[in-house]
Structures are given as structure tokens and as C-alpha cells.
Amino acid sequence: MVDNAVEILKKMIALPSCSFEEERVADFLQQWLEKEASATGKQQNGFRVLRIKNNIAAIPDNYDAARVTLMLNAHIDTVRPAESYTVDPFGAMEKDGTIYGLGSNDDGGCVVSMIQTFLHHTSNSGGHNGSGLENINLVLLLSAEEERSGANGITFAMEMLNGENSDACHLKRQIPEGFRIDFAIVGEPTSLKAAVAERGLLVIDATAYGVSGHAAREEGVNAIYKAMADIETLRNFNFEKVSPIMGKVKLTVTQINAGTVHNVVPDRCTYVIDIRPTEQYTNPEILKLLQDAVESELKARNLKNRSSATPGDHILMKATEALEIEKFVSPTTSDWMKLGIPAIKIGPGDSARSHKADEFIKRSEIEAGIALYINLVRKIDEIAGESCS
């Protein structure tokens, strides 16, 4: 199983797949899964493969709308390679059990581990849909444009699968009646620890306005000073609601710019605010709270990058605890924030390697990732059965 996974990973690495340029790797994965679907279908109930722009979905043929549906999700795109690579970022070199290359760790290891997990449960005998699973549906979604939060990534794919997009008509025959996704495992390199919550992201462009004048005279209103006053207010702003799992909302001013020449009082000062929300506030709520507190004009770049937290009594949490998987709160965002359903984020590899030169993942990590995913899906299926009994 791990040999198959590593073979797929090496072929993925060899196909450059930066965000918005995933077509070649999507073609490869689609064709590979379709071949597997054909082979599986000849033996027992198989699965269908759907292409949604550069997103690839796999759905069991005997999907049962009466059962809950778990989605395995990982992304197939990468960032651009760092200039300081000492190995070929697309060479897919393996040395001493370590596979090197762009996207090997983020997020190729999770992609191939989830593919093997999906195939394992689909090809296993027994279960309501020939998947070895008695109580849940299992679907796979390999998504695009994650690194750049693109419009044609997971949000578009979910809208198409759920029939919420007007362009979904051509997929209607391929999607089972009553199809829905209830919860998800999001594959990201977490050293096989489970992120049960992740902070959101709210970036605000702020502008303080003044009146220009000559610096040698008592003229004008200095926009820098107005910005300084507002920045001090923001620095000391108290978000009263505290998350029991994430703590307080984190706010940091990260950029500032004003003035063009030394002898003119600037009439405009711009600065950027980086905010990491918790589940206690929506992004629009945070924007309004801050706008009411300062004179500067605040404009959010995106209000959709919300925080995520899965309730402690959810089936995902119960399965994680039953398998004694270490839990943590992730400070970074992922496609989880776009799902709008309960999820956990977990996968092989180490996030510290992501977006860096000479990215790598170990064969042993992929093997452990496959084993964990298979056991986690099986445990979720067991708990789902107990809930229904």
C-alpha cells in the first residue's frame, strides 16, 4: 500500500502544480482514479470519479442518503518553489526512505494517504456499500487552489456537489440523489496530531486621513499621528469573549506607509491589520467592533476566512479520543474554513517543512498516515453505528 502511495506521490511531484496551474496533476489523478474505479467495479461495488474544474471527487456507487457522509479532503496545488532549493523541486528524488520535492509534504503526503484509505475501504468486502463500512458513506475530494484561496477550489467544488451552483446541471446524473457531506477530515501535515480547531484570518486595510501642509509651518493635520492614535487603540483593544479552546482574538499591525517627501505633512497614512479570530466572533462582527473604536477607515480584504472549531461531543472528537490521538489548536488556516461543517485537520508530514526549500516527506510518515486514516475512518464508522443502535 505504501509503495503504491509513494509511486503516486513521485508522479505528482514531477508535474508542476502551483495554484491555478493544477491541470496536469488533476488529469493524472483523475485518470489514475478512473482506472482504479474500473478495476474495483469489476469485483464489487465501485465508485465514480467526478472532475470539477481541477478538483477531483470520488463517490461510492452505492451511496446511501440515509447514512451520514464523511469526506476525506486534501489539496493538490503547491506554492512556487523557493529559489534556495539544492535539489530539483520536481525531481521526486528518494534517498534513504525520504522523498524530496515541491508538494511532497504539503500536501502530497496527505493526498496519497487519503487515496489509499479511500481505496482500502472501497475495495474491502462487507459493509453497506462494499466498502467495509457499515454505517457511513466515505467520499474523497482532492481540491485545487488551496494555497491561494482561489474561487475555483474547494468552495466551488462543494457548491457543485451540493447542487448549489447553476453550472451543476452537467454533474446531476453523476451525483447520487440526496447527496450531502456531513463532516470531514482535512489532510494537512500535522505530524499526525489532530487540529480540532483553527483560527481564522481577517486582514484589514486601514487608512487614516489628514490634511496636507508645509512641515515648516503650523499647517495641516498629520495623518501619521492620527494613525498612531488608532494603532494604539487597536493595540490595547479588548475582545471580551474568550474562546475556551483558542483563547483571545489575536490582533497585530504588520505594515504602515505614509508620506512622499520630507517637508510635506502627509494627508494619508495606510496600515495593515492582521487578525486571527476565534469561534467567538464572526469576521463582520470584528470589523464593526474595530471600526467603531477608531477614526481610520477600515476595509476587510475577505470576510470569509472564518475560524473553525468542532464541538467536543461530535463523532470526530469521540473517534479522536478513542484512538488517543493528540489534539491541538492550529494557528494557521486551511480549506477547513470554507467547508461550513465539523472537521478535524490531521495528516502525515510536518508543517514546519511547508513552503521551504528542499521540502520532503518520509516513506515511514506516509505509511503511518495511511494506517491512521484507515483506523480513524473505521472508528468513526463504529461510533456512528453505536449512535444509531
Protein backbone atom coordinates (compact mmCIF):
# COMPACT_ATOMS: atom_id res chain seq x y z
CA MET A 1 0.00 0.00 0.00
CA VAL A 2 2.78 2.46 0.90
CA ASP A 3 4.69 1.56 -2.28
CA ASN A 4 1.63 2.48 -4.34
CA ALA A 5 1.25 5.74 -2.43
CA VAL A 6 4.89 6.72 -2.94
CA GLU A 7 4.64 5.91 -6.65
CA ILE A 8 1.67 8.28 -6.99
CA LEU A 9 3.45 10.94 -4.95
CA LYS A 10 6.54 10.87 -7.15
CA LYS A 11 4.42 11.30 -10.27
CA MET A 12 2.60 14.22 -8.63
CA ILE A 13 5.87 15.94 -7.70
CA ALA A 14 7.11 15.61 -11.29
CA LEU A 15 4.07 17.57 -12.53
CA PRO A 16 4.35 21.25 -11.52
CA SER A 17 1.05 22.19 -9.88
CA CYS A 18 1.24 25.69 -8.44
CA SER A 19 -2.11 27.22 -7.54
CA PHE A 20 -4.19 27.96 -10.68
CA GLU A 21 -1.87 25.66 -12.68
CA GLU A 22 -3.06 22.25 -11.45
CA GLU A 23 -4.48 20.90 -14.71
CA ARG A 24 -1.72 18.36 -15.41
CA VAL A 25 -1.71 16.86 -11.93
CA ALA A 26 -5.53 16.87 -11.90
CA ASP A 27 -5.50 14.99 -15.23
CA PHE A 28 -3.09 12.42 -13.81
CA LEU A 29 -5.09 11.86 -10.61
CA GLN A 30 -8.39 11.67 -12.48
CA GLN A 31 -7.06 9.06 -14.90
CA TRP A 32 -5.42 7.08 -12.12
CA LEU A 33 -8.60 7.01 -10.02
CA GLU A 34 -10.77 6.15 -13.02
CA LYS A 35 -8.53 3.16 -13.72
CA GLU A 36 -8.88 2.06 -10.09
CA ALA A 37 -12.64 2.61 -10.22
CA SER A 38 -12.91 0.40 -13.28
CA ALA A 39 -10.87 -2.37 -11.65
CA THR A 40 -12.81 -2.14 -8.38
CA GLY A 41 -16.18 -2.11 -10.13
CA LYS A 42 -15.46 -5.43 -11.83
CA GLN A 43 -15.06 -7.11 -8.43
CA GLN A 44 -17.74 -5.46 -6.31
CA ASN A 45 -19.48 -2.13 -5.85
CA GLY A 46 -17.11 0.52 -7.14
CA PHE A 47 -17.04 4.30 -7.22
CA ARG A 48 -17.41 7.12 -9.71
CA VAL A 49 -14.86 9.86 -10.37
CA LEU A 50 -16.01 13.43 -10.96
CA ARG A 51 -13.91 16.25 -12.45
CA ILE A 52 -14.96 19.68 -11.16
CA LYS A 53 -12.58 22.11 -12.89
CA ASN A 54 -9.28 20.98 -11.31
CA ASN A 55 -10.92 19.35 -8.29
CA ILE A 56 -11.33 15.56 -8.28
CA ALA A 57 -14.11 13.82 -6.34
CA ALA A 58 -14.71 10.10 -5.81
CA ILE A 59 -18.13 8.87 -4.62
CA PRO A 60 -19.19 5.25 -3.90
CA ASP A 61 -21.65 3.86 -6.44
CA ASN A 62 -23.92 2.66 -3.65
CA TYR A 63 -24.04 5.93 -1.76
CA ASP A 64 -26.86 5.79 0.81
CA ALA A 65 -28.51 9.13 1.61
CA ALA A 66 -29.91 7.66 4.83
CA ARG A 67 -26.40 7.48 6.29
CA VAL A 68 -24.02 10.24 7.33
CA THR A 69 -21.21 11.08 4.95
CA LEU A 70 -17.56 11.59 5.84
CA MET A 71 -15.31 13.39 3.38
CA LEU A 72 -11.56 12.91 3.08
CA ASN A 73 -10.08 16.13 1.68
CA ALA A 74 -6.55 17.19 0.74
CA HIS A 75 -5.25 19.74 -1.76
CA ILE A 76 -3.26 19.05 -4.91
CA ASP A 77 -1.77 22.51 -5.52
CA THR A 78 1.54 23.90 -4.27
CA VAL A 79 3.25 27.22 -3.72
CA ARG A 80 6.03 28.23 -6.09
CA PRO A 81 9.45 26.70 -5.35
CA ALA A 82 11.87 28.70 -3.22
CA GLU A 83 15.00 29.91 -5.02
CA SER A 84 17.23 28.24 -2.42
CA TYR A 85 16.38 24.64 -3.44
CA THR A 86 19.52 22.48 -3.60
CA VAL A 87 17.66 19.58 -5.25
CA ASP A 88 15.36 19.60 -8.26
CA PRO A 89 11.94 20.61 -6.81
CA PHE A 90 10.28 18.44 -9.46
CA GLY A 91 12.82 15.63 -9.41
CA ALA A 92 10.95 13.43 -6.90
CA MET A 93 14.25 12.05 -5.63
CA GLU A 94 14.07 9.34 -2.97
CA LYS A 95 17.09 8.81 -0.74
CA ASP A 96 17.25 6.69 2.41
CA GLY A 97 13.47 6.49 2.65
CA THR A 98 12.92 10.23 2.18
CA ILE A 99 11.12 11.69 -0.84
CA TYR A 100 12.19 15.20 -1.84
CA GLY A 101 10.28 17.67 -3.97
CA LEU A 102 7.81 20.54 -4.06
CA GLY A 103 4.48 19.49 -2.57
CA SER A 104 5.83 16.26 -1.08
CA ASN A 105 4.98 17.39 2.44
CA ASP A 106 2.32 20.00 1.68
CA ASP A 107 0.15 18.36 0.66
CA GLY A 108 1.17 15.34 -1.37
CA GLY A 109 1.70 13.01 1.56
CA CYS A 110 -1.88 13.59 2.70
CA VAL A 111 -3.26 13.26 -0.83
CA VAL A 112 -1.74 9.83 -1.46
CA SER A 113 -2.51 8.60 2.07
CA MET A 114 -6.16 9.57 1.67
CA ILE A 115 -6.35 7.93 -1.75
CA GLN A 116 -5.09 4.67 -0.25
CA THR A 117 -7.55 4.98 2.64
CA PHE A 118 -10.47 5.55 0.28
CA LEU A 119 -9.46 2.60 -1.90
CA HIS A 120 -8.98 0.38 1.15
CA HIS A 121 -12.50 0.95 2.42
CA THR A 122 -13.97 0.82 -1.09
CA SER A 123 -12.29 -2.46 -2.07
CA ASN A 124 -12.83 -4.20 1.27
CA SER A 125 -15.70 -6.67 1.28
CA GLY A 126 -18.68 -6.19 3.54
CA GLY A 127 -20.42 -3.05 4.63
CA HIS A 128 -23.50 -1.41 3.20
CA ASN A 129 -21.72 -0.23 0.03
CA GLY A 130 -18.99 -2.80 -0.38
CA SER A 131 -16.56 -0.54 1.45
CA GLY A 132 -16.21 -2.45 4.67
CA LEU A 133 -18.09 0.41 6.34
CA GLU A 134 -21.45 -0.40 7.88
CA ASN A 135 -22.79 2.97 8.95
CA ILE A 136 -21.28 5.84 6.94
CA ASN A 137 -20.59 6.90 3.37
CA LEU A 138 -16.98 7.75 2.57
CA VAL A 139 -16.14 10.22 -0.20
CA LEU A 140 -12.86 11.68 -1.40
CA LEU A 141 -12.28 15.24 -2.59
CA LEU A 142 -8.88 16.34 -3.89
CA SER A 143 -9.12 20.11 -4.15
CA ALA A 144 -7.30 22.82 -6.08
CA GLU A 145 -6.26 26.42 -5.39
CA GLU A 146 -5.92 25.96 -1.61
CA GLU A 147 -2.66 27.87 -1.33
CA ARG A 148 -4.17 30.97 -2.93
CA SER A 149 -7.78 30.63 -1.69
CA GLY A 150 -8.89 30.54 -5.32
CA ALA A 151 -12.50 30.85 -6.44
CA ASN A 152 -12.39 27.52 -8.29
CA GLY A 153 -11.10 25.48 -5.37
CA ILE A 154 -12.96 23.68 -2.63
CA THR A 155 -15.76 26.25 -2.31
CA PHE A 156 -16.66 25.82 -5.98
CA ALA A 157 -16.36 22.03 -5.73
CA MET A 158 -18.66 21.86 -2.70
CA GLU A 159 -21.23 24.11 -4.37
CA MET A 160 -21.24 21.84 -7.41
CA LEU A 161 -21.51 18.65 -5.36
CA ASN A 162 -24.33 20.11 -3.28
CA GLY A 163 -26.19 21.35 -6.37
CA GLU A 164 -25.92 24.95 -5.20
CA ASN A 165 -24.27 26.23 -8.38
CA SER A 166 -26.23 26.88 -11.57
CA ASP A 167 -23.47 25.17 -13.56
CA ALA A 168 -24.02 21.90 -11.68
CA CYS A 169 -26.55 20.54 -14.19
CA HIS A 170 -23.95 18.53 -16.12
CA LEU A 171 -22.97 16.74 -12.89
CA LYS A 172 -26.52 15.93 -11.81
CA ARG A 173 -26.55 12.43 -13.29
CA GLN A 174 -23.27 11.55 -11.60
CA ILE A 175 -24.21 12.76 -8.13
CA PRO A 176 -26.46 10.44 -6.06
CA GLU A 177 -29.91 11.60 -5.03
CA GLY A 178 -29.85 13.32 -1.66
CA PHE A 179 -26.06 13.70 -1.69
CA ARG A 180 -24.56 15.74 1.13
CA ILE A 181 -21.35 15.88 3.13
CA ASP A 182 -21.82 15.95 6.91
CA PHE A 183 -18.28 16.20 8.26
CA ALA A 184 -14.70 15.96 7.08
CA ILE A 185 -11.11 15.01 7.73
CA VAL A 186 -8.90 17.69 6.21
CA GLY A 187 -5.46 16.40 5.30
CA GLU A 188 -2.60 18.73 6.18
CA PRO A 189 0.88 17.90 7.56
CA THR A 190 0.31 17.95 11.33
CA SER A 191 2.68 15.17 12.44
CA LEU A 192 -0.47 13.04 12.84
CA LYS A 193 -1.83 15.26 15.60
CA ALA A 194 -5.46 16.32 15.28
CA ALA A 195 -6.25 20.01 14.98
CA VAL A 196 -9.72 20.24 16.50
CA ALA A 197 -9.93 23.98 15.90
CA GLU A 198 -8.11 26.54 13.81
CA ARG A 199 -8.02 30.29 13.97
CA GLY A 200 -9.49 32.23 11.10
CA LEU A 201 -7.83 35.07 9.23
CA LEU A 202 -9.05 38.63 8.80
CA VAL A 203 -6.77 41.11 7.03
CA ILE A 204 -7.84 44.75 7.19
CA ASP A 205 -6.50 47.65 5.13
CA ALA A 206 -6.76 50.80 7.24
CA THR A 207 -6.48 54.40 6.08
CA ALA A 208 -6.08 57.45 8.32
CA TYR A 209 -6.87 60.76 6.62
CA GLY A 210 -5.38 64.16 7.41
CA VAL A 211 -4.79 67.46 5.67
CA SER A 212 -1.55 68.18 3.82
CA GLY A 213 0.58 71.20 4.67
CA HIS A 214 4.15 72.52 4.78
CA ALA A 215 6.22 70.87 7.51
CA ALA A 216 7.91 74.20 8.37
CA ARG A 217 4.64 75.89 9.28
CA GLU A 218 1.80 75.09 11.64
CA GLU A 219 -0.23 73.69 8.79
CA GLY A 220 -2.23 70.60 8.04
CA VAL A 221 -3.37 67.59 10.00
CA ASN A 222 -0.78 64.82 10.15
CA ALA A 223 -2.31 61.52 9.04
CA ILE A 224 0.58 59.64 10.64
CA TYR A 225 -0.34 60.98 14.07
CA LYS A 226 -3.99 60.03 13.53
CA ALA A 227 -2.88 56.55 12.51
CA MET A 228 -0.62 56.31 15.57
CA ALA A 229 -3.53 57.09 17.88
CA ASP A 230 -5.71 54.49 16.20
CA ILE A 231 -2.94 51.91 16.22
CA GLU A 232 -2.52 52.42 19.96
CA THR A 233 -6.27 51.90 20.37
CA LEU A 234 -6.08 48.71 18.34
CA ARG A 235 -3.04 47.52 20.26
CA ASN A 236 -4.96 47.77 23.53
CA PHE A 237 -8.35 46.67 22.19
CA ASN A 238 -10.04 44.14 24.43
CA PHE A 239 -12.05 41.37 22.81
CA GLU A 240 -14.28 40.44 25.74
CA LYS A 241 -15.35 36.99 24.56
CA VAL A 242 -12.60 34.43 25.12
CA SER A 243 -12.60 31.04 23.41
CA PRO A 244 -12.28 28.10 25.83
CA ILE A 245 -10.00 26.35 23.33
CA MET A 246 -8.29 29.15 21.37
CA GLY A 247 -8.05 31.93 23.91
CA LYS A 248 -8.36 35.56 22.82
CA VAL A 249 -8.58 37.01 19.34
CA LYS A 250 -5.05 37.97 18.21
CA LEU A 251 -4.54 41.36 16.52
CA THR A 252 -1.27 42.67 15.05
CA VAL A 253 -0.49 45.74 12.94
CA THR A 254 2.02 44.46 10.40
CA GLN A 255 2.54 47.20 7.79
CA ILE A 256 2.43 51.02 7.62
CA ASN A 257 3.08 53.57 4.89
CA ALA A 258 2.79 57.36 4.62
CA GLY A 259 4.38 60.43 3.09
CA THR A 260 6.28 61.07 -0.11
CA VAL A 261 8.75 63.85 0.73
CA HIS A 262 10.32 65.14 3.95
CA ASN A 263 8.76 68.61 4.01
CA VAL A 264 5.08 67.83 3.44
CA VAL A 265 2.68 66.89 6.21
CA PRO A 266 1.10 63.66 4.93
CA ASP A 267 -2.64 63.68 4.38
CA ARG A 268 -2.90 59.91 4.18
CA CYS A 269 -1.44 57.02 6.16
CA THR A 270 -2.22 53.41 5.36
CA TYR A 271 -1.58 50.39 7.54
CA VAL A 272 -2.46 46.72 7.61
CA ILE A 273 -4.02 44.79 10.48
CA ASP A 274 -3.59 41.00 10.72
CA ILE A 275 -6.29 39.41 12.90
CA ARG A 276 -6.57 35.76 13.91
CA PRO A 277 -10.19 35.30 15.04
CA THR A 278 -11.67 32.61 17.26
CA GLU A 279 -15.06 30.94 17.01
CA GLN A 280 -16.45 33.51 19.47
CA TYR A 281 -16.71 36.20 16.79
CA THR A 282 -17.64 36.34 13.13
CA ASN A 283 -15.37 38.38 10.90
CA PRO A 284 -18.07 41.02 10.21
CA GLU A 285 -18.53 41.39 13.99
CA ILE A 286 -14.82 42.02 14.48
CA LEU A 287 -14.72 44.54 11.64
CA LYS A 288 -17.63 46.51 13.14
CA LEU A 289 -16.17 46.46 16.66
CA LEU A 290 -12.87 47.88 15.43
CA GLN A 291 -14.42 50.43 13.08
CA ASP A 292 -16.49 51.79 15.96
CA ALA A 293 -13.30 52.20 18.01
CA VAL A 294 -11.11 54.13 15.54
CA GLU A 295 -11.28 57.09 13.15
CA SER A 296 -9.36 55.35 10.38
CA GLU A 297 -11.34 53.83 7.54
CA LEU A 298 -11.21 50.03 7.72
CA LYS A 299 -11.74 47.72 4.76
CA ALA A 300 -11.57 43.93 5.01
CA ARG A 301 -9.88 42.06 2.18
CA ASN A 302 -12.01 38.98 2.78
CA LEU A 303 -14.68 38.24 5.37
CA LYS A 304 -14.97 34.53 4.56
CA ASN A 305 -11.79 33.21 6.24
CA ARG A 306 -13.56 32.25 9.42
CA SER A 307 -12.29 30.35 12.41
CA SER A 308 -13.35 26.74 12.88
CA ALA A 309 -13.95 24.57 15.93
CA THR A 310 -15.56 21.14 16.18
CA PRO A 311 -17.86 20.56 19.20
CA GLY A 312 -16.42 18.31 21.88
CA ASP A 313 -19.28 15.80 21.63
CA HIS A 314 -19.04 15.37 17.85
CA ILE A 315 -18.34 11.93 16.39
CA LEU A 316 -14.98 13.18 15.06
CA MET A 317 -13.91 14.18 18.56
CA LYS A 318 -15.11 10.89 20.03
CA ALA A 319 -13.14 8.91 17.44
CA THR A 320 -10.02 11.01 18.02
CA GLU A 321 -10.25 10.44 21.76
CA ALA A 322 -10.94 6.72 21.36
CA LEU A 323 -7.74 6.34 19.34
CA GLU A 324 -5.83 8.55 21.82
CA ILE A 325 -4.74 10.95 19.09
CA GLU A 326 -3.06 14.07 20.45
CA LYS A 327 -5.17 17.20 19.88
CA PHE A 328 -4.16 20.82 19.35
CA VAL A 329 -5.45 24.18 18.12
CA SER A 330 -3.97 25.23 14.79
CA PRO A 331 -2.78 28.84 14.42
CA THR A 332 -2.97 28.58 10.63
CA THR A 333 -5.87 28.31 8.20
CA SER A 334 -6.73 25.65 5.64
CA ASP A 335 -9.64 24.68 3.40
CA TRP A 336 -11.49 23.74 6.61
CA MET A 337 -12.55 27.38 6.97
CA LYS A 338 -14.52 27.13 3.70
CA LEU A 339 -16.42 23.93 4.48
CA GLY A 340 -19.02 25.09 6.99
CA ILE A 341 -19.20 21.59 8.52
CA PRO A 342 -17.48 19.92 11.50
CA ALA A 343 -13.97 18.72 10.72
CA ILE A 344 -10.57 17.88 12.11
CA LYS A 345 -7.26 18.61 10.40
CA ILE A 346 -4.69 15.83 10.50
CA GLY A 347 -2.09 14.22 8.30
CA PRO A 348 1.45 12.90 7.80
CA GLY A 349 4.38 15.26 7.47
CA ASP A 350 5.46 18.33 9.41
CA SER A 351 4.05 21.81 8.82
CA ALA A 352 7.49 23.29 9.59
CA ARG A 353 8.70 21.93 6.23
CA SER A 354 5.94 23.56 4.20
CA HIS A 355 6.77 26.38 1.77
CA LYS A 356 10.51 25.89 2.33
CA ALA A 357 13.38 24.79 0.10
CA ASP A 358 14.20 21.08 -0.17
CA GLU A 359 10.74 20.08 1.03
CA PHE A 360 10.48 16.39 1.89
CA ILE A 361 8.41 13.67 3.49
CA LYS A 362 9.50 10.28 4.77
CA ARG A 363 8.17 6.99 3.44
CA SER A 364 7.58 5.92 7.06
CA GLU A 365 5.41 9.00 7.63
CA ILE A 366 3.21 8.12 4.67
CA GLU A 367 2.88 4.55 5.93
CA ALA A 368 1.87 5.83 9.37
CA GLY A 369 -0.55 8.30 7.77
CA ILE A 370 -2.33 5.59 5.81
CA ALA A 371 -2.66 3.43 8.92
CA LEU A 372 -4.02 6.31 10.98
CA TYR A 373 -6.57 7.38 8.38
CA ILE A 374 -7.81 3.80 7.91
CA ASN A 375 -8.20 3.30 11.66
CA LEU A 376 -9.81 6.71 12.14
CA VAL A 377 -12.41 6.09 9.42
CA ARG A 378 -13.14 2.64 10.86
CA LYS A 379 -13.58 4.08 14.37
CA ILE A 380 -15.91 6.79 13.06
CA ASP A 381 -17.97 4.08 11.37
CA GLU A 382 -18.15 2.11 14.63
CA ILE A 383 -19.25 5.13 16.67
CA ALA A 384 -21.84 6.05 14.03
CA GLY A 385 -23.27 2.55 14.40
CA GLU A 386 -23.45 2.88 18.18
CA SER A 387 -25.28 6.19 17.82
CA CYS A 388 -27.92 4.58 15.62
CA SER A 389 -28.45 1.49 17.76
